[in-house]
């Protein structure tokens, strides 16, 4: 049985299960304290979410608030889509391993869906593309909140947002499938400039506006975000912004920050 091994455990997130649980419990204590209202976002049942992919110390809280919501829905599989940072890709690679290892235990990869997507959308399997942190950092959250689901990992490079949107639209046909889009926002500007650039991304996601996304948003996963906006608009989903912060919230350094956001896409 082939395994998608961890590539960044102990770097972007803890390799110890106890440390992962401790971090997530800390995030949830904050969330539960500040979002106690019965009408809060904690009751959302998203079809999809956008989450960041930096180290947990920087973006874990932002990702957690979105991925925790997946436990509200009766889903059987989670498809995680992220940009390639390590290798150049023409198009999109889909993982054909059998299992996805995490420090919290393994998740099965949905091989039936993998074969379907691979054939239907002419996707490749490029093993070296799946040492990717943008997708991997989401998997411990998935294992924590929806431990019985199967997963599918898609890593894209030079890809058309429209083609990726077709994949997401197809996935939306199954109500037991959730989609996770991974992206960070602007990189290494001062806090004022970062906030200005990131506000464009946030507004575009809120309005499902692909045109606004191209007015200065510098998300590293902008292709995936645009694909999600296209698919969500066609599906009639509503986007709800969940959290925004920068690395300065953790480091205190406002001279060169990275922006992070999370959002949920729900049926109206």
Protein backbone atom coordinates (compact mmCIF):
# COMPACT_ATOMS: atom_id res chain seq x y z
CA UNK A 1 0.00 0.00 0.00
CA UNK A 2 1.52 3.34 -1.07
CA UNK A 3 1.51 6.29 1.31
CA UNK A 4 1.68 10.03 0.83
CA UNK A 5 4.23 10.64 3.60
CA UNK A 6 4.47 13.89 5.51
CA UNK A 7 6.96 16.36 4.06
CA UNK A 8 6.73 19.29 6.49
CA UNK A 9 5.70 17.75 9.84
CA UNK A 10 7.96 19.23 12.49
CA UNK A 11 8.45 22.34 10.35
CA UNK A 12 5.12 23.91 9.43
CA UNK A 13 3.23 22.05 12.15
CA UNK A 14 4.17 19.77 15.06
CA UNK A 15 5.15 16.16 14.45
CA UNK A 16 3.79 15.29 17.89
CA UNK A 17 0.06 14.43 18.13
CA UNK A 18 -0.08 15.94 21.62
CA UNK A 19 1.36 19.23 20.38
CA UNK A 20 -1.13 19.38 17.51
CA UNK A 21 -4.05 18.70 19.86
CA UNK A 22 -2.75 21.33 22.27
CA UNK A 23 -2.54 23.99 19.56
CA UNK A 24 -6.01 23.25 18.24
CA UNK A 25 -7.49 23.24 21.73
CA UNK A 26 -5.94 26.65 22.33
CA UNK A 27 -7.43 28.02 19.09
CA UNK A 28 -10.84 26.59 19.95
CA UNK A 29 -10.84 28.09 23.44
CA UNK A 30 -10.39 31.50 21.85
CA UNK A 31 -13.08 30.82 19.24
CA UNK A 32 -15.58 29.48 21.76
CA UNK A 33 -15.02 32.44 24.07
CA UNK A 34 -15.54 35.09 21.39
CA UNK A 35 -18.13 33.39 19.17
CA UNK A 36 -20.60 32.09 21.74
CA UNK A 37 -23.69 33.61 20.12
CA UNK A 38 -26.09 30.96 18.79
CA UNK A 39 -26.17 32.72 15.42
CA UNK A 40 -22.40 32.78 15.03
CA UNK A 41 -20.44 31.32 12.13
CA UNK A 42 -19.76 28.21 14.21
CA UNK A 43 -23.06 26.78 12.96
CA UNK A 44 -22.25 27.12 9.26
CA UNK A 45 -22.27 24.00 7.09
CA UNK A 46 -19.88 24.89 4.27
CA UNK A 47 -19.60 23.16 0.92
CA UNK A 48 -16.12 24.63 0.61
CA UNK A 49 -13.60 26.74 2.50
CA UNK A 50 -10.56 28.86 1.72
CA UNK A 51 -7.71 28.52 4.22
CA UNK A 52 -4.07 29.66 4.56
CA UNK A 53 -1.06 27.37 4.56
CA UNK A 54 1.75 28.93 6.59
CA UNK A 55 3.16 27.46 9.76
CA UNK A 56 0.50 26.88 12.41
CA UNK A 57 2.04 29.47 14.72
CA UNK A 58 1.22 32.10 12.08
CA UNK A 59 -1.90 30.91 10.25
CA UNK A 60 -3.19 27.93 12.23
CA UNK A 61 -5.90 29.90 13.99
CA UNK A 62 -7.22 31.26 10.70
CA UNK A 63 -7.27 27.83 9.09
CA UNK A 64 -8.73 26.15 12.15
CA UNK A 65 -11.84 28.28 12.32
CA UNK A 66 -12.73 27.22 8.74
CA UNK A 67 -11.73 23.55 8.80
CA UNK A 68 -13.50 23.02 12.12
CA UNK A 69 -16.76 23.86 10.34
CA UNK A 70 -16.45 20.80 8.12
CA UNK A 71 -17.53 18.70 11.10
CA UNK A 72 -20.98 20.36 10.88
CA UNK A 73 -21.68 18.71 7.53
CA UNK A 74 -22.36 15.07 6.69
CA UNK A 75 -19.39 14.67 4.39
CA UNK A 76 -17.56 11.54 3.34
CA UNK A 77 -14.62 13.05 1.49
CA UNK A 78 -12.52 16.21 1.45
CA UNK A 79 -10.70 17.43 -1.67
CA UNK A 80 -7.75 19.69 -0.85
CA UNK A 81 -6.47 21.95 -3.65
CA UNK A 82 -3.29 24.00 -3.36
CA UNK A 83 -0.57 25.68 -5.44
CA UNK A 84 2.80 24.05 -6.04
CA UNK A 85 5.71 25.82 -4.33
CA UNK A 86 8.48 23.26 -4.88
CA UNK A 87 8.24 22.09 -8.47
CA UNK A 88 7.07 23.60 -11.73
CA UNK A 89 3.85 22.06 -12.95
CA UNK A 90 2.06 22.42 -16.23
CA UNK A 91 -1.54 21.82 -15.20
CA UNK A 92 -2.64 19.92 -12.10
CA UNK A 93 -1.36 16.77 -10.39
CA UNK A 94 -3.69 14.47 -8.47
CA UNK A 95 -2.31 12.16 -5.79
CA UNK A 96 -2.69 8.46 -6.57
CA UNK A 97 -1.26 7.14 -3.32
CA UNK A 98 -3.45 4.83 -1.23
CA UNK A 99 -3.24 6.63 2.12
CA UNK A 100 -2.27 10.06 3.43
CA UNK A 101 -0.13 9.89 6.55
CA UNK A 102 -0.43 12.42 9.38
CA UNK A 103 1.00 12.46 12.91
CA UNK A 104 -2.58 11.82 14.05
CA UNK A 105 -2.95 8.70 11.92
CA UNK A 106 -3.64 8.00 8.27
CA UNK A 107 -6.57 8.94 6.06
CA UNK A 108 -7.56 6.87 3.06
CA UNK A 109 -7.27 8.50 -0.32
CA UNK A 110 -10.49 8.14 -2.33
CA UNK A 111 -9.05 6.16 -5.23
CA UNK A 112 -12.41 5.87 -6.99
CA UNK A 113 -12.77 9.65 -7.12
CA UNK A 114 -9.10 10.03 -8.07
CA UNK A 115 -9.52 7.78 -11.10
CA UNK A 116 -12.75 9.55 -12.05
CA UNK A 117 -11.20 13.02 -11.87
CA UNK A 118 -7.99 11.92 -13.57
CA UNK A 119 -9.85 10.54 -16.57
CA UNK A 120 -12.63 13.11 -16.71
CA UNK A 121 -10.34 16.15 -16.54
CA UNK A 122 -7.12 14.71 -17.99
CA UNK A 123 -5.13 15.21 -14.78
CA UNK A 124 -1.59 13.91 -14.23
CA UNK A 125 0.06 12.24 -11.26
CA UNK A 126 3.47 13.78 -10.63
CA UNK A 127 4.72 12.26 -7.35
CA UNK A 128 7.30 14.95 -6.60
CA UNK A 129 4.54 17.57 -6.62
CA UNK A 130 3.04 15.91 -3.56
CA UNK A 131 5.74 16.99 -1.15
CA UNK A 132 3.70 20.18 -1.00
CA UNK A 133 3.04 22.12 2.19
CA UNK A 134 0.06 24.13 0.86
CA UNK A 135 -2.05 20.98 0.91
CA UNK A 136 -0.34 18.97 3.64
CA UNK A 137 -0.82 21.49 6.45
CA UNK A 138 -4.60 21.13 6.06
CA UNK A 139 -4.66 17.37 6.57
CA UNK A 140 -4.14 17.26 10.39
CA UNK A 141 -7.15 19.59 10.71
CA UNK A 142 -9.17 17.27 8.47
CA UNK A 143 -8.08 14.25 10.51
CA UNK A 144 -9.05 16.03 13.74
CA UNK A 145 -12.49 17.31 12.78
CA UNK A 146 -13.64 14.72 10.21
CA UNK A 147 -11.55 11.64 11.09
CA UNK A 148 -13.57 9.15 9.01
CA UNK A 149 -13.48 10.95 5.67
CA UNK A 150 -11.36 9.99 2.69
CA UNK A 151 -9.24 12.65 1.01
CA UNK A 152 -8.05 13.70 -2.42
CA UNK A 153 -5.05 16.00 -2.96
CA UNK A 154 -4.74 18.24 -6.01
CA UNK A 155 -1.63 20.38 -6.53
CA UNK A 156 -1.66 22.84 -9.42
CA UNK A 157 0.95 24.93 -11.19
CA UNK A 158 0.47 26.67 -14.52
CA UNK A 159 -3.24 25.99 -14.66
CA UNK A 160 -6.32 27.70 -16.04
CA UNK A 161 -8.72 28.91 -13.33
CA UNK A 162 -11.57 28.00 -15.65
CA UNK A 163 -10.41 24.38 -15.96
CA UNK A 164 -9.91 24.07 -12.21
CA UNK A 165 -13.37 25.59 -11.73
CA UNK A 166 -14.82 22.77 -13.83
CA UNK A 167 -13.30 20.26 -11.41
CA UNK A 168 -14.79 22.10 -8.42
CA UNK A 169 -18.19 22.38 -10.11
CA UNK A 170 -18.14 18.62 -10.66
CA UNK A 171 -17.22 18.02 -7.03
CA UNK A 172 -20.11 20.23 -5.92
CA UNK A 173 -22.54 17.77 -7.54
CA UNK A 174 -21.91 15.44 -4.60
CA UNK A 175 -23.23 16.91 -1.31
CA UNK A 176 -21.00 14.53 0.64
CA UNK A 177 -17.85 16.14 -0.78
CA UNK A 178 -16.23 19.26 0.68
CA UNK A 179 -13.59 21.34 -1.12
CA UNK A 180 -10.65 23.06 0.58
CA UNK A 181 -8.80 25.81 -1.32
CA UNK A 182 -5.38 26.69 0.07
CA UNK A 183 -3.78 30.13 -0.29
CA UNK A 184 -1.84 32.79 1.56
CA UNK A 185 -2.25 36.45 0.65
CA UNK A 186 0.40 39.14 0.10
CA UNK A 187 4.03 38.40 0.99
CA UNK A 188 6.66 40.57 2.68
CA UNK A 189 5.18 44.04 2.49
CA UNK A 190 4.91 46.35 5.48
CA UNK A 191 1.66 46.00 7.41
CA UNK A 192 -0.04 49.01 5.80
CA UNK A 193 0.69 47.89 2.25
CA UNK A 194 -0.22 44.28 3.09
CA UNK A 195 -3.58 45.30 4.55
CA UNK A 196 -4.35 47.36 1.44
CA UNK A 197 -3.50 44.54 -0.97
CA UNK A 198 -5.21 41.89 1.12
CA UNK A 199 -8.39 43.94 1.36
CA UNK A 200 -8.73 43.53 -2.42
CA UNK A 201 -8.61 39.75 -2.04
CA UNK A 202 -11.07 39.80 0.84
CA UNK A 203 -13.54 41.99 -1.02
CA UNK A 204 -13.27 39.85 -4.15
CA UNK A 205 -14.01 36.68 -2.18
CA UNK A 206 -16.89 38.33 -0.35
CA UNK A 207 -18.46 39.47 -3.63
CA UNK A 208 -17.46 36.37 -5.65
CA UNK A 209 -15.85 38.86 -8.03
CA UNK A 210 -13.15 37.41 -10.28
CA UNK A 211 -12.62 40.82 -11.89
CA UNK A 212 -11.85 42.44 -8.55
CA UNK A 213 -9.46 39.61 -7.76
CA UNK A 214 -7.29 40.94 -10.60
CA UNK A 215 -7.19 44.50 -9.27
CA UNK A 216 -4.18 43.91 -7.02
CA UNK A 217 -4.78 40.73 -5.01
CA UNK A 218 -1.43 38.97 -4.60
CA UNK A 219 -2.58 35.62 -3.19
CA UNK A 220 -0.09 32.86 -4.03
CA UNK A 221 -3.04 30.55 -4.63
CA UNK A 222 -5.00 33.06 -6.70
CA UNK A 223 -5.67 30.49 -9.42
CA UNK A 224 -7.41 28.26 -6.90
CA UNK A 225 -9.30 31.18 -5.39
CA UNK A 226 -10.50 32.35 -8.79
CA UNK A 227 -11.59 28.82 -9.66
CA UNK A 228 -13.56 28.66 -6.42
CA UNK A 229 -15.25 32.00 -7.08
CA UNK A 230 -16.28 30.86 -10.56
CA UNK A 231 -17.66 27.56 -9.27
CA UNK A 232 -19.35 29.07 -6.23
CA UNK A 233 -21.11 31.68 -8.34
CA UNK A 234 -22.41 29.03 -10.74
CA UNK A 235 -23.54 26.88 -7.82
CA UNK A 236 -25.28 29.84 -6.17
CA UNK A 237 -23.21 29.66 -3.01
CA UNK A 238 -22.69 32.56 -0.62
CA UNK A 239 -19.24 33.40 0.72
CA UNK A 240 -18.68 34.34 4.34
CA UNK A 241 -15.36 35.74 5.52
CA UNK A 242 -14.23 34.08 8.75
CA UNK A 243 -10.85 35.51 9.71
CA UNK A 244 -8.05 37.76 8.50
CA UNK A 245 -4.69 38.44 10.08
CA UNK A 246 -1.03 38.73 9.22
CA UNK A 247 2.17 37.16 10.47
CA UNK A 248 2.65 40.30 12.58
CA UNK A 249 -0.07 39.06 14.92
CA UNK A 250 2.29 36.25 15.92
CA UNK A 251 5.72 37.78 15.37
CA UNK A 252 5.13 41.44 16.21
CA UNK A 253 7.20 42.40 13.15
CA UNK A 254 5.19 44.74 10.93
CA UNK A 255 7.98 45.46 8.45
CA UNK A 256 7.61 42.31 6.29
CA UNK A 257 4.37 40.44 6.79
CA UNK A 258 2.37 37.68 5.10
CA UNK A 259 -1.41 37.87 4.98
CA UNK A 260 -3.84 35.08 5.83
CA UNK A 261 -7.59 34.71 5.39
CA UNK A 262 -10.27 32.06 5.70
CA UNK A 263 -13.75 31.94 4.22
CA UNK A 264 -16.67 29.55 4.02
CA UNK A 265 -18.96 28.93 1.02
CA UNK A 266 -22.47 27.94 2.00
CA UNK A 267 -25.78 27.26 0.29
CA UNK A 268 -28.20 30.18 0.46
